[in-house]
Amino acid sequence: MAYLKVIATPGARREKVEEKARALHIAVKEPAEQNRANMRVREIVAARLGVPVAQVKIINGHHGHSKLLSVPD
């Protein structure tokens, strides 16, 4: 397993993914309520890496913008 740092922005007007300073900056349309933004972040990372969503896990940062994700190598 590898780790990936993500900076998430929920409630954006449009989705955007950028790589900056060893972190992935992801803006999602979904709000932070009911874990919807976190789920969308996992879906985007999984699609980008070509792995199932179930293999992308949030290790740290469930309630904040800065997150640490566990992804397969």
C-alpha atoms as a PDB file:
ATOM      1  CA  MET A   1       0.000   0.000   0.000  1.00  0.00           C
ATOM      2  CA  ALA A   2       1.068   3.546  -0.733  1.00  0.00           C
ATOM      3  CA  TYR A   3      -0.123   6.804   0.781  1.00  0.00           C
ATOM      4  CA  LEU A   4      -1.436   9.858  -1.025  1.00  0.00           C
ATOM      5  CA  LYS A   5      -1.986  13.326   0.435  1.00  0.00           C
ATOM      6  CA  VAL A   6      -5.156  15.027  -0.781  1.00  0.00           C
ATOM      7  CA  ILE A   7      -6.471  18.542  -0.205  1.00  0.00           C
ATOM      8  CA  ALA A   8     -10.231  18.430  -0.783  1.00  0.00           C
ATOM      9  CA  THR A   9     -12.620  21.297  -1.478  1.00  0.00           C
ATOM     10  CA  PRO A  10     -16.293  20.294  -1.176  1.00  0.00           C
ATOM     11  CA  GLY A  11     -19.158  22.253  -2.709  1.00  0.00           C
ATOM     12  CA  ALA A  12     -17.210  23.565  -5.716  1.00  0.00           C
ATOM     13  CA  ARG A  13     -18.983  24.801  -8.853  1.00  0.00           C
ATOM     14  CA  ARG A  14     -17.124  22.231 -10.958  1.00  0.00           C
ATOM     15  CA  GLU A  15     -14.839  19.313 -10.286  1.00  0.00           C
ATOM     16  CA  LYS A  16     -11.123  19.864 -10.714  1.00  0.00           C
ATOM     17  CA  VAL A  17      -8.012  17.801  -9.980  1.00  0.00           C
ATOM     18  CA  GLU A  18      -4.534  19.345  -9.783  1.00  0.00           C
ATOM     19  CA  GLU A  19      -1.175  18.023  -8.630  1.00  0.00           C
ATOM     20  CA  LYS A  20       0.646  20.566  -6.470  1.00  0.00           C
ATOM     21  CA  ALA A  21       3.549  20.269  -4.029  1.00  0.00           C
ATOM     22  CA  ARG A  22       3.355  16.489  -3.546  1.00  0.00           C
ATOM     23  CA  ALA A  23      -0.401  16.594  -2.914  1.00  0.00           C
ATOM     24  CA  LEU A  24      -3.470  16.133  -5.053  1.00  0.00           C
ATOM     25  CA  HIS A  25      -5.887  19.088  -4.872  1.00  0.00           C
ATOM     26  CA  ILE A  26      -9.410  17.894  -5.618  1.00  0.00           C
ATOM     27  CA  ALA A  27     -12.497  20.114  -5.852  1.00  0.00           C
ATOM     28  CA  VAL A  28     -15.826  18.249  -5.822  1.00  0.00           C
ATOM     29  CA  LYS A  29     -19.407  19.425  -6.304  1.00  0.00           C
ATOM     30  CA  GLU A  30     -20.767  17.311  -3.462  1.00  0.00           C
ATOM     31  CA  PRO A  31     -21.249  18.923  -0.050  1.00  0.00           C
ATOM     32  CA  ALA A  32     -19.370  17.718   3.020  1.00  0.00           C
ATOM     33  CA  GLU A  33     -22.584  16.489   4.669  1.00  0.00           C
ATOM     34  CA  GLN A  34     -23.254  12.757   5.044  1.00  0.00           C
ATOM     35  CA  ASN A  35     -19.761  11.836   3.830  1.00  0.00           C
ATOM     36  CA  ARG A  36     -20.721  12.641   0.224  1.00  0.00           C
ATOM     37  CA  ALA A  37     -17.615  14.713  -0.574  1.00  0.00           C
ATOM     38  CA  ASN A  38     -15.295  12.068   0.896  1.00  0.00           C
ATOM     39  CA  MET A  39     -16.944   9.368  -1.206  1.00  0.00           C
ATOM     40  CA  ARG A  40     -16.551  11.451  -4.374  1.00  0.00           C
ATOM     41  CA  VAL A  41     -12.876  12.111  -3.573  1.00  0.00           C
ATOM     42  CA  ARG A  42     -12.348   8.342  -3.235  1.00  0.00           C
ATOM     43  CA  GLU A  43     -14.124   7.759  -6.577  1.00  0.00           C
ATOM     44  CA  ILE A  44     -11.950  10.331  -8.357  1.00  0.00           C
ATOM     45  CA  VAL A  45      -8.702   8.918  -6.935  1.00  0.00           C
ATOM     46  CA  ALA A  46      -9.764   5.350  -7.788  1.00  0.00           C
ATOM     47  CA  ALA A  47     -10.621   6.302 -11.373  1.00  0.00           C
ATOM     48  CA  ARG A  48      -7.344   8.196 -11.743  1.00  0.00           C
ATOM     49  CA  LEU A  49      -5.343   5.187 -10.520  1.00  0.00           C
ATOM     50  CA  GLY A  50      -7.486   2.567 -12.266  1.00  0.00           C
ATOM     51  CA  VAL A  51      -8.358   0.661  -9.087  1.00  0.00           C
ATOM     52  CA  PRO A  52     -11.687  -0.204  -7.402  1.00  0.00           C
ATOM     53  CA  VAL A  53     -13.090   2.432  -5.027  1.00  0.00           C
ATOM     54  CA  ALA A  54     -13.054  -0.133  -2.205  1.00  0.00           C
ATOM     55  CA  GLN A  55      -9.243  -0.173  -2.332  1.00  0.00           C
ATOM     56  CA  VAL A  56      -8.977   3.594  -1.705  1.00  0.00           C
ATOM     57  CA  LYS A  57      -9.346   4.333   2.007  1.00  0.00           C
ATOM     58  CA  ILE A  58      -9.214   7.572   3.978  1.00  0.00           C
ATOM     59  CA  ILE A  59      -6.704   7.005   6.776  1.00  0.00           C
ATOM     60  CA  ASN A  60      -6.725  10.477   8.290  1.00  0.00           C
ATOM     61  CA  GLY A  61      -8.717  13.688   7.752  1.00  0.00           C
ATOM     62  CA  HIS A  62     -12.315  12.482   7.519  1.00  0.00           C
ATOM     63  CA  HIS A  63     -13.621  15.849   8.786  1.00  0.00           C
ATOM     64  CA  GLY A  64     -11.052  18.243   7.317  1.00  0.00           C
ATOM     65  CA  HIS A  65      -9.738  19.468   3.990  1.00  0.00           C
ATOM     66  CA  SER A  66      -6.355  17.741   4.323  1.00  0.00           C
ATOM     67  CA  LYS A  67      -6.618  13.966   3.962  1.00  0.00           C
ATOM     68  CA  LEU A  68      -4.283  10.989   3.875  1.00  0.00           C
ATOM     69  CA  LEU A  69      -5.442   8.173   1.616  1.00  0.00           C
ATOM     70  CA  SER A  70      -4.224   4.607   1.410  1.00  0.00           C
ATOM     71  CA  VAL A  71      -4.024   3.375  -2.187  1.00  0.00           C
ATOM     72  CA  PRO A  72      -2.689   0.149  -3.730  1.00  0.00           C
ATOM     73  CA  ASP A  73       0.820   0.214  -5.245  1.00  0.00           C
END
